[in-house]
Amino acid sequence: MPAAIRIIKHEAVPKCGSFEVRFADGRPSEYFYWDDEPGRRLRPEQLDSEEALRRAKARARSVRDGTA
């Protein structure tokens, strides 16, 4: 059975934060940063929460399935 992978939501301020993909095998976590207020985004490539969660889930799936 593969090691558990968790997705943890961090919300620093309302409508802004990250999704952490945490691996049980000790490798470093990966973060997908998001901001749902377009005028407040620090970088133009920053994601909204739906897209960040979609990418975090896809990353977790690829690691779990061994395709990453």
N, C-alpha and C. Protein backbone atom coordinates (compact mmCIF):
# COMPACT_ATOMS: atom_id res chain seq x y z
N MET A 1 0.85 -1.18 0.00
CA MET A 1 0.00 0.00 0.00
C MET A 1 0.89 1.25 0.00
N PRO A 2 0.63 2.21 -0.90
CA PRO A 2 1.46 3.41 -0.96
C PRO A 2 1.29 4.29 0.28
N ALA A 3 2.31 5.08 0.56
CA ALA A 3 2.26 6.00 1.70
C ALA A 3 1.17 7.04 1.48
N ALA A 4 0.56 7.47 2.57
CA ALA A 4 -0.52 8.45 2.49
C ALA A 4 0.01 9.80 2.03
N ILE A 5 -0.80 10.48 1.24
CA ILE A 5 -0.51 11.84 0.79
C ILE A 5 -1.69 12.69 1.22
N ARG A 6 -1.40 13.79 1.90
CA ARG A 6 -2.47 14.66 2.39
C ARG A 6 -2.42 16.00 1.67
N ILE A 7 -3.60 16.58 1.49
CA ILE A 7 -3.70 17.94 0.97
C ILE A 7 -4.26 18.78 2.10
N ILE A 8 -3.50 19.79 2.50
CA ILE A 8 -3.87 20.63 3.64
C ILE A 8 -4.07 22.06 3.16
N LYS A 9 -5.22 22.61 3.49
CA LYS A 9 -5.52 23.99 3.12
C LYS A 9 -4.99 24.94 4.19
N HIS A 10 -4.25 25.96 3.76
CA HIS A 10 -3.77 27.02 4.64
C HIS A 10 -4.39 28.32 4.12
N GLU A 11 -5.07 29.04 4.99
CA GLU A 11 -5.69 30.29 4.58
C GLU A 11 -5.15 31.40 5.48
N ALA A 12 -4.15 32.12 4.98
CA ALA A 12 -3.47 33.16 5.75
C ALA A 12 -4.42 34.31 6.10
N VAL A 13 -5.11 34.78 5.14
CA VAL A 13 -6.15 35.80 5.30
C VAL A 13 -7.34 35.33 4.50
N PRO A 14 -8.53 35.86 4.75
CA PRO A 14 -9.69 35.40 3.99
C PRO A 14 -9.46 35.48 2.48
N LYS A 15 -9.80 34.41 1.80
CA LYS A 15 -9.71 34.30 0.35
C LYS A 15 -8.28 34.32 -0.18
N CYS A 16 -7.31 33.89 0.63
CA CYS A 16 -5.91 33.88 0.21
C CYS A 16 -5.16 32.82 1.00
N GLY A 17 -4.37 31.98 0.33
CA GLY A 17 -3.60 30.98 1.06
C GLY A 17 -2.90 30.01 0.14
N SER A 18 -2.84 28.76 0.58
CA SER A 18 -2.16 27.73 -0.21
C SER A 18 -2.75 26.37 0.12
N PHE A 19 -2.49 25.44 -0.80
CA PHE A 19 -2.77 24.03 -0.55
C PHE A 19 -1.42 23.34 -0.47
N GLU A 20 -1.20 22.64 0.62
CA GLU A 20 0.05 21.91 0.84
C GLU A 20 -0.18 20.45 0.51
N VAL A 21 0.64 19.90 -0.36
CA VAL A 21 0.63 18.47 -0.63
C VAL A 21 1.72 17.87 0.24
N ARG A 22 1.32 17.14 1.30
CA ARG A 22 2.25 16.60 2.28
C ARG A 22 2.41 15.10 2.06
N PHE A 23 3.65 14.69 1.95
CA PHE A 23 3.98 13.30 1.68
C PHE A 23 4.39 12.59 2.97
N ALA A 24 3.89 11.40 3.19
CA ALA A 24 4.17 10.65 4.42
C ALA A 24 5.57 10.05 4.43
N ASP A 25 6.21 9.98 3.26
CA ASP A 25 7.53 9.35 3.21
C ASP A 25 8.67 10.30 3.56
N GLY A 26 8.36 11.52 3.97
CA GLY A 26 9.38 12.45 4.43
C GLY A 26 9.91 13.42 3.40
N ARG A 27 9.52 13.27 2.13
CA ARG A 27 9.99 14.23 1.14
C ARG A 27 9.36 15.59 1.41
N PRO A 28 9.97 16.67 0.93
CA PRO A 28 9.44 18.02 1.20
C PRO A 28 8.04 18.20 0.62
N SER A 29 7.22 18.95 1.33
CA SER A 29 5.88 19.26 0.85
C SER A 29 5.96 20.16 -0.38
N GLU A 30 4.89 20.13 -1.17
CA GLU A 30 4.77 21.05 -2.30
C GLU A 30 3.57 21.94 -2.04
N TYR A 31 3.68 23.21 -2.43
CA TYR A 31 2.64 24.19 -2.15
C TYR A 31 2.08 24.77 -3.44
N PHE A 32 0.77 25.00 -3.44
CA PHE A 32 0.07 25.63 -4.55
C PHE A 32 -0.64 26.85 -3.98
N TYR A 33 -0.09 28.03 -4.28
CA TYR A 33 -0.58 29.27 -3.69
C TYR A 33 -1.74 29.82 -4.50
N TRP A 34 -2.69 30.45 -3.79
CA TRP A 34 -3.88 30.98 -4.44
C TRP A 34 -4.34 32.27 -3.77
N ASP A 35 -5.11 33.03 -4.53
CA ASP A 35 -5.74 34.24 -4.03
C ASP A 35 -7.01 34.45 -4.84
N ASP A 36 -8.14 34.55 -4.17
CA ASP A 36 -9.42 34.70 -4.87
C ASP A 36 -9.80 36.16 -5.11
N GLU A 37 -8.94 37.09 -4.76
CA GLU A 37 -9.16 38.52 -5.05
C GLU A 37 -8.16 38.92 -6.12
N PRO A 38 -8.60 38.99 -7.39
CA PRO A 38 -7.66 39.26 -8.49
C PRO A 38 -6.83 40.54 -8.30
N GLY A 39 -7.41 41.57 -7.73
CA GLY A 39 -6.69 42.82 -7.53
C GLY A 39 -5.62 42.73 -6.46
N ARG A 40 -5.65 41.70 -5.65
CA ARG A 40 -4.71 41.55 -4.54
C ARG A 40 -3.57 40.58 -4.87
N ARG A 41 -3.65 39.90 -5.99
CA ARG A 41 -2.64 38.90 -6.33
C ARG A 41 -1.28 39.55 -6.52
N LEU A 42 -0.28 38.99 -5.89
CA LEU A 42 1.08 39.55 -5.98
C LEU A 42 1.74 39.25 -7.31
N ARG A 43 1.42 38.12 -7.89
CA ARG A 43 2.00 37.73 -9.18
C ARG A 43 0.87 37.40 -10.14
N PRO A 44 1.00 37.79 -11.39
CA PRO A 44 -0.07 37.51 -12.35
C PRO A 44 -0.33 36.02 -12.57
N GLU A 45 0.69 35.18 -12.33
CA GLU A 45 0.50 33.74 -12.54
C GLU A 45 -0.11 33.03 -11.33
N GLN A 46 -0.38 33.77 -10.26
CA GLN A 46 -0.97 33.15 -9.07
C GLN A 46 -2.38 32.65 -9.39
N LEU A 47 -2.74 31.53 -8.81
CA LEU A 47 -3.97 30.83 -9.12
C LEU A 47 -5.13 31.27 -8.23
N ASP A 48 -6.36 30.93 -8.66
CA ASP A 48 -7.49 31.06 -7.75
C ASP A 48 -7.61 29.74 -6.99
N SER A 49 -8.45 29.69 -5.97
CA SER A 49 -8.50 28.51 -5.09
C SER A 49 -8.92 27.24 -5.82
N GLU A 50 -9.84 27.35 -6.76
CA GLU A 50 -10.30 26.15 -7.48
C GLU A 50 -9.18 25.54 -8.31
N GLU A 51 -8.45 26.38 -9.03
CA GLU A 51 -7.36 25.88 -9.87
C GLU A 51 -6.22 25.35 -9.01
N ALA A 52 -5.91 26.01 -7.90
CA ALA A 52 -4.84 25.54 -7.01
C ALA A 52 -5.19 24.17 -6.44
N LEU A 53 -6.44 23.98 -6.02
CA LEU A 53 -6.86 22.69 -5.48
C LEU A 53 -6.82 21.62 -6.57
N ARG A 54 -7.23 21.96 -7.77
CA ARG A 54 -7.19 21.00 -8.88
C ARG A 54 -5.75 20.55 -9.15
N ARG A 55 -4.81 21.49 -9.15
CA ARG A 55 -3.40 21.15 -9.40
C ARG A 55 -2.80 20.36 -8.24
N ALA A 56 -3.19 20.69 -7.01
CA ALA A 56 -2.68 19.94 -5.85
C ALA A 56 -3.17 18.49 -5.91
N LYS A 57 -4.43 18.30 -6.25
CA LYS A 57 -4.97 16.94 -6.35
C LYS A 57 -4.29 16.16 -7.47
N ALA A 58 -4.06 16.83 -8.60
CA ALA A 58 -3.40 16.17 -9.72
C ALA A 58 -1.98 15.76 -9.34
N ARG A 59 -1.27 16.61 -8.62
CA ARG A 59 0.09 16.29 -8.18
C ARG A 59 0.08 15.10 -7.22
N ALA A 60 -0.84 15.12 -6.26
CA ALA A 60 -0.94 14.01 -5.31
C ALA A 60 -1.25 12.70 -6.02
N ARG A 61 -2.15 12.74 -7.01
CA ARG A 61 -2.49 11.55 -7.76
C ARG A 61 -1.29 11.02 -8.54
N SER A 62 -0.55 11.93 -9.18
CA SER A 62 0.58 11.49 -9.99
C SER A 62 1.66 10.85 -9.12
N VAL A 63 1.90 11.37 -7.92
CA VAL A 63 2.88 10.77 -7.02
C VAL A 63 2.37 9.43 -6.53
N ARG A 64 1.11 9.38 -6.15
CA ARG A 64 0.51 8.13 -5.64
C ARG A 64 0.58 7.02 -6.69
N ASP A 65 0.32 7.40 -7.95
CA ASP A 65 0.29 6.40 -9.04
C ASP A 65 1.66 6.11 -9.61
N GLY A 66 2.68 6.85 -9.16
CA GLY A 66 4.04 6.62 -9.62
C GLY A 66 4.34 7.19 -10.99
N THR A 67 3.54 8.14 -11.45
CA THR A 67 3.77 8.75 -12.76
C THR A 67 4.52 10.06 -12.67
N ALA A 68 4.95 10.43 -11.46
CA ALA A 68 5.68 11.70 -11.30
C ALA A 68 7.13 11.45 -11.06
